[in-house]
């Protein structure tokens, strides 16, 4: 099965852009969990969102500090 090449461009529709952001954020977090389990590593993510005033961290603020110190 050959995939189509995806063209990236700014999503002008606010609702569609927010929905796409939420979907991709969920997929990214899932991949972080998979990497952490498969390779037995400490992983962390910090996402700054235009939809939230505070950055979102995974797994938690304490988990991020631990991953950085190791």
Protein backbone atom coordinates (compact mmCIF):
# COMPACT_ATOMS: atom_id res chain seq x y z
CA UNK A 1 0.00 0.00 0.00
CA UNK A 2 1.48 3.30 -1.08
CA UNK A 3 0.61 6.38 0.96
CA UNK A 4 -0.21 9.76 -0.52
CA UNK A 5 2.16 12.58 0.18
CA UNK A 6 0.59 14.96 2.68
CA UNK A 7 0.89 18.69 2.11
CA UNK A 8 1.26 20.62 5.34
CA UNK A 9 -0.39 24.00 5.52
CA UNK A 10 -1.94 26.26 8.11
CA UNK A 11 -5.48 25.23 9.04
CA UNK A 12 -7.55 28.39 8.79
CA UNK A 13 -10.71 26.98 10.38
CA UNK A 14 -10.35 27.48 14.16
CA UNK A 15 -12.47 24.48 15.15
CA UNK A 16 -10.71 22.14 12.72
CA UNK A 17 -7.29 23.41 13.87
CA UNK A 18 -8.16 22.81 17.54
CA UNK A 19 -9.53 19.33 16.80
CA UNK A 20 -6.40 18.43 14.83
CA UNK A 21 -4.20 19.72 17.65
CA UNK A 22 -6.01 17.58 20.22
CA UNK A 23 -5.80 14.49 18.01
CA UNK A 24 -2.09 14.90 17.30
CA UNK A 25 -1.34 15.66 20.95
CA UNK A 26 -3.09 12.43 21.95
CA UNK A 27 -1.14 10.46 19.33
CA UNK A 28 2.16 12.03 20.45
CA UNK A 29 1.51 11.11 24.08
CA UNK A 30 0.69 7.54 23.03
CA UNK A 31 4.01 7.32 21.17
CA UNK A 32 5.87 8.68 24.20
CA UNK A 33 4.35 5.94 26.37
CA UNK A 34 5.25 3.29 23.77
CA UNK A 35 8.86 4.49 23.54
CA UNK A 36 9.17 4.56 27.30
CA UNK A 37 7.90 0.99 27.65
CA UNK A 38 9.61 -0.57 24.60
CA UNK A 39 13.08 0.78 25.33
CA UNK A 40 12.86 1.07 29.11
CA UNK A 41 13.80 4.74 29.07
CA UNK A 42 12.67 7.80 30.95
CA UNK A 43 10.88 10.04 28.47
CA UNK A 44 9.12 13.35 28.92
CA UNK A 45 7.22 15.85 26.85
CA UNK A 46 6.51 19.54 27.32
CA UNK A 47 3.89 21.06 25.02
CA UNK A 48 3.04 24.74 24.85
CA UNK A 49 -0.45 25.17 23.53
CA UNK A 50 -2.22 28.24 22.18
CA UNK A 51 -5.36 26.83 23.82
CA UNK A 52 -4.04 26.65 27.40
CA UNK A 53 -2.22 29.21 29.52
CA UNK A 54 0.10 26.65 31.15
CA UNK A 55 2.28 24.17 29.27
CA UNK A 56 1.20 20.54 29.31
CA UNK A 57 3.78 18.10 30.65
CA UNK A 58 3.94 14.34 30.42
CA UNK A 59 4.11 12.23 32.57
CA UNK A 60 4.06 14.92 35.29
CA UNK A 61 6.21 17.80 36.46
CA UNK A 62 8.02 15.46 38.86
CA UNK A 63 8.45 12.87 36.09
CA UNK A 64 10.00 15.49 33.82
CA UNK A 65 12.44 16.57 36.53
CA UNK A 66 13.43 12.92 37.09
CA UNK A 67 13.95 12.30 33.35
CA UNK A 68 16.12 15.38 33.02
CA UNK A 69 18.27 14.57 36.07
CA UNK A 70 18.97 10.99 34.99
